[in-house]
Protein backbone atom coordinates (compact mmCIF):
# COMPACT_ATOMS: atom_id res chain seq x y z
CA MET A 1 118.27 192.13 80.16
CA SER A 2 114.70 191.79 78.93
CA VAL A 3 111.73 193.76 80.32
CA THR A 4 108.49 192.13 81.40
CA THR A 5 105.05 193.64 80.92
CA SER A 6 105.14 194.74 84.55
CA GLY A 7 108.27 196.78 84.02
CA GLU A 8 110.60 194.40 85.85
CA ARG A 9 113.86 193.29 84.29
CA THR A 10 114.61 189.62 83.88
CA PRO A 11 118.21 188.50 83.55
CA ALA A 12 119.41 186.87 80.37
CA ALA A 13 120.73 183.33 80.51
CA THR A 14 124.31 184.36 81.15
CA ALA A 15 126.79 184.10 84.00
CA THR A 16 125.62 185.85 87.17
CA LEU A 17 127.00 186.94 90.52
CA ARG A 18 127.34 184.18 93.11
CA SER A 19 124.07 184.42 95.01
CA GLY A 20 124.14 183.12 98.59
CA SER A 21 127.94 183.42 98.86
CA LEU A 22 128.27 185.95 101.68
CA GLY A 23 127.23 185.79 105.31
CA THR A 24 127.09 188.59 107.87
CA ALA A 25 130.77 188.26 108.79
CA ASP A 26 131.87 188.25 105.15
CA ILE A 27 130.02 191.48 104.34
CA ALA A 28 131.23 193.08 107.57
CA PHE A 29 134.82 192.20 106.57
CA PHE A 30 134.36 194.08 103.29
CA VAL A 31 132.97 197.14 105.04
CA VAL A 32 135.42 197.32 107.93
CA SER A 33 138.34 196.63 105.62
CA ALA A 34 137.31 199.54 103.40
CA ALA A 35 137.62 201.81 106.45
CA ALA A 36 141.27 200.60 106.97
CA PRO A 37 141.24 200.77 110.81
CA LEU A 38 145.00 200.49 111.30
CA THR A 39 145.76 203.17 108.72
CA VAL A 40 143.09 205.46 110.16
CA MET A 41 144.42 205.02 113.68
CA ALA A 42 148.16 205.27 113.04
CA GLY A 43 147.90 207.86 110.29
CA VAL A 44 145.01 210.14 111.27
CA ALA A 45 144.09 209.64 114.95
CA PRO A 46 147.23 211.48 116.18
CA LEU A 47 145.96 214.62 114.43
CA ALA A 48 142.54 214.16 116.04
CA ILE A 49 144.27 213.88 119.44
CA LEU A 50 146.39 216.96 118.72
CA LEU A 51 143.32 219.03 117.90
CA GLY A 52 140.82 217.59 120.36
CA GLY A 53 143.04 216.66 123.28
CA VAL A 54 142.14 213.86 125.67
CA GLY A 55 138.46 214.07 124.69
CA ALA A 56 139.17 212.82 121.15
CA PRO A 57 137.84 209.25 121.76
CA VAL A 58 134.31 210.59 122.27
CA GLY A 59 134.36 212.08 118.77
CA TYR A 60 134.58 208.58 117.30
CA LEU A 61 131.71 207.39 119.50
CA LEU A 62 129.53 210.32 118.41
CA ALA A 63 130.29 209.68 114.74
CA GLY A 64 129.46 205.99 115.17
CA LEU A 65 126.21 206.86 116.94
CA THR A 66 125.21 209.23 114.12
CA LEU A 67 125.83 206.57 111.49
CA ALA A 68 123.97 203.98 113.57
CA VAL A 69 120.94 206.29 113.52
CA PHE A 70 121.34 206.58 109.73
CA ALA A 71 121.53 202.78 109.51
CA VAL A 72 118.09 202.43 111.10
CA GLY A 73 116.23 203.88 108.12
CA PHE A 74 118.82 202.69 105.62
CA THR A 75 118.53 199.02 106.61
CA THR A 76 114.74 199.26 106.90
CA MET A 77 114.58 200.38 103.29
CA SER A 78 116.95 197.56 102.31
CA ARG A 79 114.12 195.10 103.06
CA HIS A 80 111.99 196.77 100.41
CA VAL A 81 114.48 197.67 97.65
CA ARG A 82 116.19 194.72 95.96
CA SER A 83 118.00 196.53 93.15
CA GLY A 84 121.76 196.06 92.84
CA GLY A 85 122.15 199.83 92.58
CA ALA A 86 122.31 200.35 96.36
CA PHE A 87 122.49 204.08 97.07
CA TYR A 88 121.19 205.26 93.73
CA ALA A 89 118.30 202.78 93.80
CA TYR A 90 117.24 203.97 97.27
CA ILE A 91 117.49 207.60 96.23
CA THR A 92 115.54 206.93 93.02
CA ARG A 93 112.73 205.30 94.98
CA GLY A 94 112.44 208.20 97.37
CA LEU A 95 113.43 211.28 95.38
CA GLY A 96 112.76 210.36 91.75
CA ARG A 97 114.75 209.27 88.69
CA PRO A 98 116.60 212.55 87.98
CA VAL A 99 118.00 212.70 91.51
CA GLY A 100 118.70 208.95 91.39
CA ILE A 101 120.67 209.24 88.15
CA GLY A 102 122.60 212.17 89.61
CA ALA A 103 123.33 210.00 92.65
CA ALA A 104 124.49 207.13 90.41
CA LEU A 105 127.08 209.36 88.75
CA LEU A 106 128.09 210.72 92.14
CA ALA A 107 128.53 207.15 93.46
CA LEU A 108 130.77 206.20 90.53
CA VAL A 109 132.96 209.25 91.01
CA GLY A 110 132.94 208.94 94.79
CA TYR A 111 133.92 205.29 95.04
CA ASN A 112 136.48 205.60 92.25
CA GLY A 113 137.98 208.62 93.98
CA MET A 114 138.15 206.77 97.29
CA GLU A 115 139.97 203.84 95.71
CA THR A 116 142.22 205.53 93.17
CA GLY A 117 143.60 208.06 95.62
CA VAL A 118 144.51 205.28 98.05
CA TYR A 119 147.02 203.91 95.52
CA GLY A 120 149.06 206.98 96.42
CA LEU A 121 148.79 206.01 100.09
CA LEU A 122 149.92 202.50 99.20
CA GLY A 123 153.03 203.86 97.49
CA SER A 124 153.77 206.19 100.40
CA ALA A 125 153.20 203.47 103.04
CA GLY A 126 155.40 201.07 101.07
CA GLN A 127 158.17 203.65 101.02
CA ASP A 128 157.88 204.25 104.77
CA THR A 129 157.90 200.53 105.53
CA ALA A 130 160.99 199.87 103.37
CA ARG A 131 162.78 202.78 105.03
CA ALA A 132 161.80 201.72 108.57
CA LEU A 133 162.63 198.03 108.18
CA PHE A 134 165.53 198.02 105.74
CA GLY A 135 166.81 201.61 105.65
CA THR A 136 166.17 201.62 101.91
CA ASP A 137 164.57 204.32 99.77
CA VAL A 138 162.35 202.87 97.06
CA PRO A 139 160.25 204.74 94.49
CA TRP A 140 156.56 204.82 95.20
CA LEU A 141 155.28 204.27 91.64
CA PRO A 142 156.26 200.57 91.27
CA ILE A 143 154.61 199.85 94.64
CA SER A 144 151.39 201.52 93.53
CA LEU A 145 151.38 199.74 90.17
CA ALA A 146 152.04 196.38 91.81
CA GLY A 147 149.08 197.11 94.09
CA LEU A 148 146.91 197.84 91.05
CA LEU A 149 147.71 194.40 89.63
CA LEU A 150 147.10 192.61 92.94
CA ILE A 151 143.78 194.35 93.50
CA GLY A 152 142.73 193.75 89.90
CA TYR A 153 143.41 190.04 90.35
CA GLY A 154 141.53 189.97 93.67
CA GLY A 155 138.49 191.56 92.03
CA TYR A 156 138.71 189.09 89.12
CA ARG A 157 138.43 186.12 91.48
CA SER A 158 135.24 185.05 93.21
CA ILE A 159 133.65 187.17 95.93
CA ASP A 160 134.18 184.45 98.54
CA PHE A 161 137.89 184.46 97.67
CA GLY A 162 137.93 188.19 98.36
CA ALA A 163 136.07 187.70 101.64
CA LYS A 164 138.67 185.17 102.83
CA VAL A 165 141.56 187.47 101.90
CA LEU A 166 139.97 190.43 103.66
CA GLY A 167 139.23 188.31 106.72
CA VAL A 168 142.92 187.44 107.11
CA LEU A 169 144.14 190.99 106.49
CA LEU A 170 141.55 192.50 108.83
CA VAL A 171 142.51 190.13 111.64
CA ALA A 172 146.14 191.16 111.17
CA GLU A 173 145.57 194.91 111.29
CA THR A 174 143.09 194.86 114.17
CA GLY A 175 145.24 192.29 115.98
CA ILE A 176 148.28 194.58 116.08
CA LEU A 177 146.14 197.38 117.54
CA VAL A 178 144.70 195.02 120.15
CA LEU A 179 148.26 193.98 121.00
CA LEU A 180 149.17 197.63 121.56
CA ALA A 181 146.09 198.20 123.69
CA GLY A 182 146.80 195.07 125.72
CA GLY A 183 150.35 196.19 126.43
CA VAL A 184 149.17 199.59 127.63
CA LEU A 185 146.42 198.14 129.84
CA ILE A 186 148.64 195.49 131.39
CA LYS A 187 151.30 198.05 132.31
CA GLY A 188 148.73 200.58 133.49
CA GLY A 189 149.68 203.30 131.02
CA ALA A 190 152.10 206.08 131.78
CA HIS A 191 150.52 207.20 135.09
CA GLY A 192 147.73 204.73 135.70
CA LEU A 193 144.54 204.43 133.68
CA SER A 194 142.30 207.50 133.52
CA LEU A 195 138.75 208.15 132.32
CA ALA A 196 139.32 211.87 131.83
CA SER A 197 138.68 211.39 128.09
CA PHE A 198 134.97 210.95 128.80
CA GLU A 199 134.49 213.94 131.11
CA PRO A 200 132.28 216.65 129.55
CA GLY A 201 134.84 219.34 130.25
CA ASN A 202 137.37 217.54 128.04
CA VAL A 203 134.87 216.78 125.29
CA LEU A 204 133.17 220.16 124.94
CA VAL A 205 136.23 222.01 123.66
CA PRO A 206 136.75 223.99 120.42
CA GLY A 207 138.83 221.21 118.86
CA THR A 208 135.99 218.68 119.09
CA ALA A 209 134.50 219.94 115.81
CA ALA A 210 137.72 219.03 114.00
CA VAL A 211 137.80 215.64 115.75
CA LEU A 212 134.28 214.93 114.53
CA ALA A 213 135.33 215.75 110.97
CA PHE A 214 138.16 213.21 111.19
CA ALA A 215 135.90 210.69 112.91
CA PHE A 216 133.18 210.80 110.25
CA ALA A 217 135.83 210.35 107.56
CA ALA A 218 137.07 207.24 109.40
CA PHE A 219 133.79 205.42 108.68
CA THR A 220 133.81 206.03 104.93
CA GLY A 221 132.47 203.03 103.01
CA PHE A 222 130.42 201.43 105.81
CA GLU A 223 127.24 201.83 103.76
CA SER A 224 128.49 199.47 101.05
CA THR A 225 126.85 196.51 102.82
CA VAL A 226 123.81 196.86 100.56
CA ILE A 227 125.95 196.60 97.42
CA TYR A 228 126.43 192.91 98.20
CA ARG A 229 122.71 192.18 98.54
CA ARG A 230 122.62 189.98 95.42
CA GLU A 231 125.46 187.82 96.77
CA ALA A 232 124.29 187.66 100.39
CA ARG A 233 122.73 184.69 102.13
CA ASP A 234 119.26 185.76 103.34
CA PRO A 235 119.85 189.45 102.50
CA GLN A 236 116.79 190.57 104.48
CA ARG A 237 118.70 189.71 107.65
CA THR A 238 122.33 189.58 106.56
CA VAL A 239 122.61 193.13 105.17
CA PRO A 240 121.15 194.91 108.25
CA ARG A 241 123.17 192.77 110.63
CA ALA A 242 126.41 193.42 108.74
CA THR A 243 125.69 197.17 108.71
CA TYR A 244 125.13 197.36 112.47
CA VAL A 245 128.10 195.09 113.18
CA ALA A 246 130.39 197.27 111.05
CA VAL A 247 129.23 200.60 112.52
CA GLY A 248 129.19 199.31 116.07
CA PHE A 249 132.60 197.69 115.81
CA LEU A 250 134.27 200.69 114.19
CA GLY A 251 132.81 203.23 116.63
CA VAL A 252 133.75 201.31 119.77
CA PHE A 253 137.09 200.06 118.42
CA TYR A 254 138.26 203.48 117.26
CA ALA A 255 137.33 205.11 120.56
CA PHE A 256 138.99 202.33 122.59
CA ILE A 257 142.25 202.42 120.64
CA VAL A 258 142.50 206.24 120.77
CA TRP A 259 141.84 206.13 124.51
CA THR A 260 144.55 203.50 125.09
CA VAL A 261 147.12 205.54 123.14
CA ILE A 262 146.29 208.55 125.31
CA GLN A 263 146.91 206.33 128.36
CA ALA A 264 150.24 205.26 126.89
CA PHE A 265 151.57 208.82 127.15
CA GLY A 266 149.38 210.29 129.87
CA ASP A 267 146.58 212.85 129.82
CA ALA A 268 148.93 215.79 130.34
CA GLU A 269 151.62 214.63 127.95
CA ILE A 270 149.62 213.28 124.96
CA ALA A 271 149.14 216.63 123.19
CA GLY A 272 152.87 217.34 123.27
CA ALA A 273 153.73 213.84 122.02
CA ALA A 274 151.20 214.07 119.19
CA GLY A 275 152.43 217.52 118.20
CA GLU A 276 156.09 216.55 118.22
CA ASN A 277 155.79 213.75 115.68
CA PRO A 278 152.22 212.63 114.92
CA GLY A 279 153.31 210.05 112.34
CA GLU A 280 155.36 208.18 114.94
CA LEU A 281 152.90 208.32 117.86
CA PHE A 282 151.54 204.79 117.48
CA PHE A 283 154.94 203.31 116.64
CA THR A 284 156.49 204.91 119.73
CA ALA A 285 153.67 203.59 121.91
CA ILE A 286 153.88 200.02 120.66
CA THR A 287 157.69 200.02 120.90
CA THR A 288 157.46 201.17 124.53
CA TYR A 289 154.71 198.82 125.66
CA VAL A 290 155.23 195.76 123.46
CA GLY A 291 158.61 195.95 121.73
CA GLY A 292 160.44 197.04 118.61
CA TRP A 293 159.46 193.86 116.80
CA ALA A 294 155.79 194.84 117.12
CA ALA A 295 156.53 198.26 115.60
CA GLY A 296 158.05 196.44 112.62
CA LEU A 297 154.91 194.34 112.27
CA MET A 298 152.78 197.47 112.47
CA HIS A 299 154.68 198.95 109.51
CA VAL A 300 153.98 195.79 107.47
CA PHE A 301 150.34 195.62 108.52
CA ILE A 302 149.74 199.23 107.52
CA VAL A 303 150.64 198.20 103.95
CA THR A 304 148.29 195.20 104.13
CA SER A 305 145.61 197.43 105.69
CA VAL A 306 145.80 199.72 102.66
CA LEU A 307 145.61 196.72 100.32
CA ALA A 308 142.53 195.44 102.16
CA SER A 309 140.87 198.84 101.83
CA LEU A 310 141.66 198.93 98.11
CA LEU A 311 140.21 195.47 97.51
CA ALA A 312 137.03 196.31 99.41
CA PHE A 313 136.47 199.53 97.44
CA HIS A 314 137.39 197.78 94.18
CA ASN A 315 134.68 195.17 94.73
CA ALA A 316 132.13 197.86 95.61
CA ILE A 317 132.94 199.88 92.48
CA ASN A 318 132.69 196.80 90.27
CA ARG A 319 129.19 196.06 91.49
CA TYR A 320 128.03 199.63 91.00
CA ALA A 321 129.39 199.56 87.45
CA LEU A 322 127.75 196.16 86.86
CA ALA A 323 124.37 197.48 88.01
CA LEU A 324 124.63 200.59 85.81
CA ALA A 325 125.69 198.49 82.81
CA GLU A 326 122.62 196.29 83.34
CA GLU A 327 120.57 199.48 83.48
CA GLY A 328 121.94 200.44 80.06
CA VAL A 329 123.48 203.62 81.50
CA LEU A 330 127.06 202.33 81.13
CA PRO A 331 128.28 200.23 78.17
CA ARG A 332 126.80 196.75 78.23
CA ALA A 333 130.27 195.18 78.08
CA LEU A 334 130.88 196.31 81.68
CA GLY A 335 128.00 194.06 82.73
CA ARG A 336 129.77 190.83 81.83
CA VAL A 337 130.17 188.37 84.71
CA HIS A 338 132.91 185.74 84.69
CA PRO A 339 131.39 182.30 84.01
CA ARG A 340 133.67 180.54 86.50
CA HIS A 341 134.32 183.06 89.27
CA GLY A 342 130.97 184.86 89.18
CA SER A 343 132.78 188.22 89.31
CA PRO A 344 132.03 191.42 87.33
CA TYR A 345 135.45 191.11 85.72
CA MET A 346 134.98 193.59 82.88
CA ALA A 347 133.98 196.33 85.31
CA GLY A 348 137.03 195.39 87.37
CA LEU A 349 139.31 195.60 84.35
CA ALA A 350 137.93 199.04 83.47
CA GLN A 351 138.48 200.24 87.02
CA THR A 352 142.05 198.92 87.07
CA VAL A 353 142.84 200.68 83.77
CA LEU A 354 141.33 203.92 85.09
CA GLY A 355 143.38 203.65 88.26
CA ALA A 356 146.57 203.06 86.28
CA VAL A 357 145.91 206.11 84.10
CA VAL A 358 145.38 208.39 87.12
CA VAL A 359 148.40 207.02 89.01
CA LEU A 360 150.69 207.33 85.99
CA ALA A 361 149.40 210.86 85.29
CA PHE A 362 150.22 212.02 88.83
CA ALA A 363 153.62 210.33 88.66
CA ALA A 364 154.40 211.99 85.32
CA ALA A 365 153.50 215.37 86.87
CA GLY A 366 155.95 214.74 89.72
CA ALA A 367 153.16 214.76 92.31
CA ASP A 368 153.59 213.61 95.87
CA PRO A 369 151.83 210.24 96.36
CA TYR A 370 150.39 211.20 99.75
CA GLY A 371 149.94 214.96 99.70
CA GLN A 372 148.52 215.12 96.18
CA LEU A 373 147.49 211.76 94.68
CA LEU A 374 145.85 210.56 97.90
CA LEU A 375 144.44 213.79 99.28
CA TRP A 376 143.44 215.51 96.05
CA VAL A 377 141.69 212.44 94.61
CA ASN A 378 140.40 210.89 97.83
CA THR A 379 138.86 214.03 99.33
CA PRO A 380 136.25 214.66 96.58
CA GLY A 381 135.38 210.96 96.81
CA MET A 382 134.85 211.23 100.55
CA ILE A 383 132.61 214.29 100.19
CA SER A 384 130.65 212.56 97.42
CA LEU A 385 129.90 209.60 99.69
CA PHE A 386 128.80 211.93 102.50
CA VAL A 387 126.38 213.62 100.07
CA LEU A 388 125.07 210.21 99.01
CA GLN A 389 124.44 209.29 102.64
CA LEU A 390 122.54 212.54 103.15
CA LEU A 391 120.40 212.00 100.04
CA ALA A 392 119.70 208.41 101.10
CA ALA A 393 118.59 209.57 104.56
CA ILE A 394 116.22 212.10 102.98
CA ALA A 395 114.93 209.46 100.55
CA VAL A 396 113.81 207.03 103.27
CA PRO A 397 110.80 208.94 104.66
CA CYS A 398 109.86 210.10 101.15
CA TYR A 399 109.79 206.50 99.97
CA PHE A 400 107.71 205.19 102.87
CA ARG A 401 105.14 207.95 102.39
CA ARG A 402 104.47 206.56 98.90
CA VAL A 403 104.15 202.86 99.62
CA ARG A 404 102.06 200.69 101.88
CA HIS A 405 104.13 199.13 104.62
CA GLN A 406 104.06 197.87 108.19
CA GLU A 407 107.25 199.54 109.40
CA GLY A 408 107.09 201.82 112.44
CA ALA A 409 107.41 205.62 112.31
CA LEU A 410 110.63 205.47 114.34
CA ARG A 411 112.35 203.57 111.53
CA THR A 412 110.76 205.30 108.56
CA VAL A 413 110.52 208.93 109.72
CA VAL A 414 112.17 209.82 113.02
CA ALA A 415 115.54 208.08 112.61
CA PRO A 416 116.03 209.13 108.95
CA VAL A 417 115.17 212.80 109.68
CA VAL A 418 117.51 212.88 112.68
CA ALA A 419 120.22 211.19 110.57
CA ALA A 420 119.76 213.73 107.77
CA VAL A 421 120.28 216.62 110.19
CA LEU A 422 123.36 214.98 111.73
CA LEU A 423 124.84 214.04 108.34
CA ALA A 424 124.32 217.60 107.04
CA THR A 425 126.18 218.81 110.14
CA ALA A 426 128.98 216.32 109.43
CA ILE A 427 129.34 217.59 105.87
CA VAL A 428 129.60 221.18 107.14
CA LEU A 429 132.25 220.13 109.66
CA VAL A 430 134.32 218.34 107.03
CA VAL A 431 134.11 221.22 104.54
CA ASN A 432 134.96 223.81 107.20
CA HIS A 433 138.01 221.83 108.27
CA LEU A 434 139.09 220.64 104.84
CA ASP A 435 142.48 222.32 105.17
CA LEU A 436 143.26 219.87 108.00
CA PHE A 437 142.64 216.97 105.62
CA THR A 438 144.47 218.27 102.57
CA GLY A 439 147.02 220.85 103.70
CA ALA A 440 146.33 222.45 100.31
CA SER A 441 145.75 226.05 99.22
CA PRO A 442 142.27 227.65 99.42
CA THR A 443 142.02 227.41 95.62
CA VAL A 444 142.70 223.68 95.59
CA ASN A 445 140.31 223.11 98.48
CA THR A 446 137.57 225.03 96.67
CA VAL A 447 137.99 222.81 93.61
CA LEU A 448 137.88 219.70 95.81
CA VAL A 449 134.68 220.85 97.53
CA VAL A 450 132.79 221.84 94.37
CA THR A 451 133.60 218.55 92.61
CA ALA A 452 130.75 216.64 94.29
CA PRO A 453 127.97 219.16 93.54
CA SER A 454 129.33 219.60 90.01
CA VAL A 455 129.20 215.87 89.37
CA PHE A 456 125.69 215.69 90.79
CA ALA A 457 124.59 218.57 88.54
CA ALA A 458 126.11 216.76 85.54
CA GLY A 459 124.09 213.69 86.58
CA LEU A 460 120.88 215.73 86.56
CA ALA A 461 121.72 216.97 83.08
CA PHE A 462 122.44 213.41 81.99
CA ALA A 463 119.04 212.33 83.37
CA TRP A 464 117.38 215.02 81.25
CA TRP A 465 119.28 213.73 78.18
CA LEU A 466 118.27 210.14 78.89
CA ARG A 467 114.63 211.09 79.24
CA ARG A 468 114.66 212.75 75.83
CA GLN A 469 117.05 210.52 73.88
CA ARG A 470 116.71 207.10 75.54
CA PRO A 471 113.29 207.07 77.21
CA ASP A 472 113.26 203.28 77.60
CA VAL A 473 116.47 203.36 79.68
CA TYR A 474 115.19 206.32 81.69
CA ALA A 475 111.82 204.71 82.37
CA ASP A 476 113.39 201.44 83.52
CA PHE A 477 116.12 203.03 85.66
CA ALA A 478 116.52 201.29 89.05
CA ALA A 479 113.54 199.00 88.35
CA GLU A 480 113.07 196.15 90.81
CA PRO A 481 114.40 192.76 89.73
CA PRO A 482 112.09 189.77 90.17
CA GLU A 483 112.62 187.58 93.21
CA GLN A 484 114.49 184.45 92.22
CA PRO A 485 115.73 181.47 94.19
CA PRO A 486 119.51 181.23 94.62
CA LEU A 487 121.21 179.73 91.61
CA ASP A 488 123.23 176.56 91.89
CA HIS A 489 126.73 177.51 90.82
CA GLY A 490 128.18 174.14 91.59
CA PRO A 491 131.31 173.73 93.72
CA THR A 492 132.74 177.04 94.92
CA THR A 493 136.04 177.93 93.28
CA VAL A 494 138.33 180.29 95.15
C-alpha cells in the first residue's frame, strides 16, 4: 500500500479480491450459514423450550427485532464507510483510533474463537452421526482435522466458489427443517395447532430471559455482511439488503420452527419431552411426522450445517486479517491475495494452522470436543462479537455528529441508541445465564467472561504502543480507500 497526500491508501499493483463477485443472495448465504440454523435448532432450541416453555418462539422474534433495529444504523453507516475493516472501521470512525484498534483485536479473537471452537462441535456431531447411522464409535479428532483441511481448501478457492458451496449446504439444512415443519402442519400436530406460544401469559414468564440469551446467540455472525463489501456488486445496496434479509429470515425461521416442534408434542407435553432428552427432541419429531429416513438425513445435514458455519466464519476471519495486514497492524505476508482465485490465501493458511494447534492441544489434554473445545473457546468469541455490536451501535450517532450528511435522525440517532440499550441488555442476559451455555464451574465461567474485556484492554495498550512506536501506521489506521471501478478479473474460476 502507498499513501496519497490526502491520507488515502492506494493499492499496489498486485492481486486483489474479486470485486463485483457477490450479490445479495450470496452474502446472505454466508451470514445465515455462519448462524448454522439446523445446528442451532436441533442442538440448542430444546433447551430454550425447556426453560421458556411454549412461549419460547417469541424470544427468537424479539432477538431478531433487536438486531433489525441495530441494522438500521449499521447499514446506514455502511454507505459512508468503505474500509474493508468492517466493525473496527466503523468503531474507529465514531469512537476514535484507540477504541477502533481495541475493537480490531477483539474482532480477531472473537471470530477466531467462534470458528475454532466449532471444530469441536464438528468432531462431536460426526461421532453422533456415525453412531446413529452405523452404530460405530469413531474418534472425534480425525473428523475435526479433516474439517480443518476442507475448510482451508474452501477458503483458498474463490469467494464465488464458497458462495455456491454454502448455497447448497444451506438449502439442505433449512430444507430438512421445512420438511419437519410441513409434516407437523399437515398432520395437525399432536392435538391440533395452537397459538398459545404467542399469548402474553406464556411469554412473560421467568424463563424468557434465558430464552432471549439463547436467541441472541443464535444470530451470531449476522453482522459479517459488511466484511464482503469489497467483493459485493453495488455494495451501497447489496450489503444493507443482505443484512436485512439475513436478520429477517433467521428471526422468522427460528420462531416458526420452534413453534412447529412445540405443536409436534403439544403445549402441555413439550416441556416434559424436552426435559427427558433434549438432544433427541427434533429427531423424535421428524421420525414421528416424516419418517426414520428423514431423521437419518437430519443427522447428516447437521454435520454439513457445521461445515457451512465453519466456512462462513473462515472467510470472514480471512478478510479481517487481510484488512489488518494492509493496515500494517498484522504482518504484510497475511495480506497476500491469490492471483488466480482472488482469495486472501495466506490469511486462510494462518487461520487453519491456528485452528489445528488449538484442536490438537485440546485433544492432547483429553478434553471433551463439545463440553470444552466448543464451549470454552466459542463462548468468549460470542461475547466478543456482542461487545463489538454494542460498540458499533454507539459509534453510529457519534460518527454522524461529526460529518455532514443527509441521513434522517431515525437512522443516525434513534435506532442506534435504542439498539445500544437492547444490545447491552442482551449482553447482561448472556453473562447472567452463562452457566446454561457452558455447564462449567464459576471459575471457568469467570475466565470466559473476562476474556473479551481483557482482549479489548490489550488492544487499547497496543494502540498506545502504535502511536508512540509506529505513528505512520497509527495515523493511517482504518483510512478510507479511494473509490475505484470494479477490476476485470477475466473469466471466473471456481
